[in-house]
Amino acid sequence: MGRIQPARITRVLAGSIAEELGFEAGDRLVAINGVPPRDLIDYQFAIATEDLVLDVVDAAGENHQVELEKDWDDDLGLEFETALFDGLIQCANACPFCFIDQQPPETRATLHLKDDDYRLSFLYGSYLTLTNLPAAEWERIARLRLSPLYVSVHATEPEVRSRLLKNERAGQILEHLRWFQAQGLTNSCPSCCLP
């Protein structure tokens, strides 16, 4: 993760609140009620209120502050270039079976991104290994009740999983799964058989 970047708007839905307010593709959302959203999750939580103040930079680079009232469950009608405004949490493992590492070099660059991002797991069902999360991210998962997350377990024996993923933190998987249970959060873990 990096510095939070303004969220670049790629589409304004016809008939939406955003269209009515004059938003256009190319505008960038900087903050909602004074808080820069890190990702689409923050954005969705932040707009679930009746009174909003949106800090926006238009395509020409001009700053605007837009105040609006809406029903708490009304969507603004904005689509963004990416779901992650602060960058991708990348994989910290070195699995010998990694399908990303096995991609031919001539394939498009996005096929070579080694994501291990819990936000993509929550939003889109991507699988993650839980080996790279600092305490603040675990706290955010609990606070926002982000569930289910999709977890690639590979092995539950600590030494075996650490060896498979080539990451010492990988051996904490049972502790991590118990943490989800204690928080009342669910996860989906596929079964894979290794010869």
Protein backbone atom coordinates (compact mmCIF):
# COMPACT_ATOMS: atom_id res chain seq x y z
CA MET A 1 0.00 0.00 0.00
CA GLY A 2 1.12 3.47 -0.74
CA ARG A 3 -0.06 7.01 -0.37
CA ILE A 4 -3.78 7.55 -0.94
CA GLN A 5 -4.35 8.98 -4.41
CA PRO A 6 -7.50 10.86 -5.43
CA ALA A 7 -9.96 8.37 -6.92
CA ARG A 8 -10.15 8.94 -10.69
CA ILE A 9 -13.73 8.78 -11.95
CA THR A 10 -14.10 6.83 -15.18
CA ARG A 11 -17.88 6.91 -15.55
CA VAL A 12 -20.84 8.90 -14.28
CA LEU A 13 -24.06 6.94 -14.49
CA ALA A 14 -26.90 8.52 -16.45
CA GLY A 15 -29.65 9.91 -14.24
CA SER A 16 -27.49 9.68 -11.11
CA ILE A 17 -26.92 12.21 -8.35
CA ALA A 18 -23.37 12.68 -9.64
CA GLU A 19 -24.62 13.50 -13.15
CA GLU A 20 -27.09 15.99 -11.71
CA LEU A 21 -24.22 17.65 -9.80
CA GLY A 22 -22.10 17.92 -12.95
CA PHE A 23 -19.48 15.25 -12.28
CA GLU A 24 -17.61 14.06 -15.37
CA ALA A 25 -15.26 11.24 -16.24
CA GLY A 26 -11.73 12.39 -15.47
CA ASP A 27 -12.70 14.18 -12.27
CA ARG A 28 -10.94 12.95 -9.13
CA LEU A 29 -12.56 12.44 -5.74
CA VAL A 30 -10.15 13.64 -3.05
CA ALA A 31 -12.18 13.33 0.17
CA ILE A 32 -15.63 12.59 1.54
CA ASN A 33 -16.57 14.65 4.61
CA GLY A 34 -12.91 15.57 4.97
CA VAL A 35 -11.58 12.00 4.85
CA PRO A 36 -9.72 10.63 1.80
CA PRO A 37 -11.09 7.18 0.93
CA ARG A 38 -8.40 4.46 0.74
CA ASP A 39 -10.49 2.24 -1.48
CA LEU A 40 -13.96 1.39 -2.74
CA ILE A 41 -14.82 -0.01 0.70
CA ASP A 42 -14.16 3.34 2.41
CA TYR A 43 -16.07 5.07 -0.39
CA GLN A 44 -19.15 2.86 0.05
CA PHE A 45 -19.18 3.30 3.84
CA ALA A 46 -18.56 7.07 3.59
CA ILE A 47 -21.43 7.78 1.17
CA ALA A 48 -23.92 5.82 3.31
CA THR A 49 -25.10 8.99 5.02
CA GLU A 50 -27.50 11.82 4.29
CA ASP A 51 -25.14 14.82 4.34
CA LEU A 52 -21.98 14.80 2.24
CA VAL A 53 -19.18 17.23 1.49
CA LEU A 54 -17.13 16.01 -1.46
CA ASP A 55 -13.71 17.46 -2.26
CA VAL A 56 -13.12 17.05 -5.98
CA VAL A 57 -10.48 18.03 -8.53
CA ASP A 58 -11.98 18.33 -12.00
CA ALA A 59 -10.27 17.19 -15.20
CA ALA A 60 -8.84 20.71 -15.68
CA GLY A 61 -7.19 20.63 -12.24
CA GLU A 62 -9.64 22.98 -10.50
CA ASN A 63 -10.59 22.22 -6.87
CA HIS A 64 -14.27 22.07 -5.93
CA GLN A 65 -16.18 21.35 -2.76
CA VAL A 66 -19.63 19.90 -3.35
CA GLU A 67 -22.19 19.77 -0.53
CA LEU A 68 -25.27 17.61 -0.91
CA GLU A 69 -28.12 15.97 0.93
CA LYS A 70 -29.47 12.60 -0.13
CA ASP A 71 -31.12 9.53 1.33
CA TRP A 72 -28.51 7.51 3.22
CA ASP A 73 -28.84 4.55 0.85
CA ASP A 74 -28.72 6.50 -2.43
CA ASP A 75 -25.68 5.75 -4.57
CA LEU A 76 -23.89 8.69 -6.16
CA GLY A 77 -23.52 6.97 -9.52
CA LEU A 78 -19.74 7.11 -9.81
CA GLU A 79 -17.42 4.44 -11.17
CA PHE A 80 -13.67 4.56 -10.59
CA GLU A 81 -10.52 3.58 -12.45
CA THR A 82 -9.59 1.17 -9.65
CA ALA A 83 -11.07 -0.16 -6.43
CA LEU A 84 -7.84 0.61 -4.55
CA PHE A 85 -6.94 4.28 -4.16
CA ASP A 86 -3.80 3.61 -2.11
CA GLY A 87 -2.30 0.85 -4.23
CA LEU A 88 -2.29 -2.91 -4.24
CA ILE A 89 -1.16 -5.03 -1.28
CA GLN A 90 1.27 -7.35 -2.99
CA CYS A 91 2.13 -10.93 -2.21
CA ALA A 92 5.09 -11.48 0.13
CA ASN A 93 5.36 -15.21 -0.60
CA ALA A 94 7.61 -17.11 -2.99
CA CYS A 95 5.48 -20.18 -3.72
CA PRO A 96 7.10 -22.59 -6.20
CA PHE A 97 3.63 -23.26 -7.66
CA CYS A 98 2.71 -19.57 -8.15
CA PHE A 99 0.68 -19.22 -11.34
CA ILE A 100 1.74 -15.58 -11.69
CA ASP A 101 5.42 -16.52 -11.82
CA GLN A 102 4.55 -19.10 -14.49
CA GLN A 103 2.97 -16.52 -16.84
CA PRO A 104 4.80 -16.12 -20.15
CA PRO A 105 6.75 -12.84 -20.12
CA GLU A 106 4.91 -11.49 -23.17
CA THR A 107 1.50 -11.46 -21.45
CA ARG A 108 -0.02 -8.14 -20.37
CA ALA A 109 1.46 -6.47 -17.30
CA THR A 110 -1.68 -6.87 -15.16
CA LEU A 111 -1.25 -10.66 -15.31
CA HIS A 112 2.08 -10.26 -13.52
CA LEU A 113 0.74 -8.39 -10.48
CA LYS A 114 1.05 -10.59 -7.41
CA ASP A 115 -1.87 -9.39 -5.33
CA ASP A 116 -2.55 -10.65 -1.83
CA ASP A 117 -5.03 -7.92 -0.92
CA TYR A 118 -7.87 -8.59 1.53
CA ARG A 119 -9.88 -5.77 -0.06
CA LEU A 120 -9.96 -7.54 -3.42
CA SER A 121 -10.94 -10.70 -1.57
CA PHE A 122 -13.88 -8.92 0.06
CA LEU A 123 -14.96 -7.02 -3.06
CA TYR A 124 -14.36 -9.60 -5.79
CA GLY A 125 -13.66 -12.99 -4.20
CA SER A 126 -9.91 -13.05 -4.87
CA TYR A 127 -7.94 -15.46 -2.70
CA LEU A 128 -5.31 -14.33 -0.24
CA THR A 129 -2.84 -16.03 2.10
CA LEU A 130 -3.02 -13.69 5.16
CA THR A 131 0.78 -13.55 5.38
CA ASN A 132 1.27 -9.82 4.85
CA LEU A 133 -1.21 -7.93 7.01
CA PRO A 134 -0.01 -5.48 9.66
CA ALA A 135 -2.07 -5.05 12.85
CA ALA A 136 -3.88 -1.98 11.49
CA GLU A 137 -5.33 -4.02 8.61
CA TRP A 138 -6.53 -6.80 10.94
CA GLU A 139 -8.20 -4.10 13.06
CA ARG A 140 -9.86 -2.63 9.96
CA ILE A 141 -11.18 -6.03 8.90
CA ALA A 142 -12.77 -6.45 12.34
CA ARG A 143 -14.05 -2.86 12.61
CA LEU A 144 -15.68 -2.88 9.16
CA ARG A 145 -16.87 -6.50 9.49
CA LEU A 146 -15.32 -7.45 6.14
CA SER A 147 -16.65 -10.93 5.58
CA PRO A 148 -16.36 -13.33 3.91
CA LEU A 149 -12.72 -13.31 2.87
CA TYR A 150 -11.39 -16.04 0.60
CA VAL A 151 -8.28 -17.70 2.00
CA SER A 152 -5.81 -20.02 0.29
CA VAL A 153 -4.78 -22.31 3.13
CA HIS A 154 -2.58 -24.88 1.28
CA ALA A 155 -1.63 -26.59 4.57
CA THR A 156 -2.44 -26.19 8.25
CA GLU A 157 0.77 -27.65 9.67
CA PRO A 158 2.85 -24.50 10.38
CA GLU A 159 6.17 -25.86 9.12
CA VAL A 160 4.62 -27.31 5.96
CA ARG A 161 2.73 -24.12 5.07
CA SER A 162 5.79 -21.95 5.77
CA ARG A 163 7.85 -24.17 3.50
CA LEU A 164 5.20 -24.20 0.74
CA LEU A 165 4.77 -20.43 0.72
CA LYS A 166 8.43 -19.72 1.58
CA ASN A 167 7.27 -17.32 4.27
CA GLU A 168 7.67 -17.84 8.04
CA ARG A 169 4.46 -15.93 8.74
CA ALA A 170 2.54 -18.53 6.73
CA GLY A 171 2.71 -20.90 9.70
CA GLN A 172 0.22 -18.73 11.61
CA ILE A 173 -2.75 -19.81 9.47
CA LEU A 174 -4.67 -21.65 12.21
CA GLU A 175 -4.27 -18.65 14.54
CA HIS A 176 -5.59 -16.43 11.77
CA LEU A 177 -8.58 -18.66 11.06
CA ARG A 178 -9.37 -18.79 14.79
CA TRP A 179 -9.18 -14.99 14.88
CA PHE A 180 -11.87 -14.79 12.18
CA GLN A 181 -14.05 -17.16 14.18
CA ALA A 182 -13.57 -15.15 17.39
CA GLN A 183 -14.58 -11.98 15.51
CA GLY A 184 -17.71 -13.66 14.14
CA LEU A 185 -16.37 -13.28 10.60
CA THR A 186 -16.43 -15.97 7.94
CA ASN A 187 -14.02 -17.05 5.29
CA SER A 188 -14.02 -19.51 2.45
CA CYS A 189 -11.12 -21.92 2.21
CA PRO A 190 -10.94 -24.33 -0.75
CA SER A 191 -9.52 -27.80 -0.27
CA CYS A 192 -6.52 -28.72 -2.41
CA CYS A 193 -4.82 -32.10 -2.31
CA LEU A 194 -1.06 -32.19 -2.76
CA PRO A 195 0.62 -35.45 -3.75
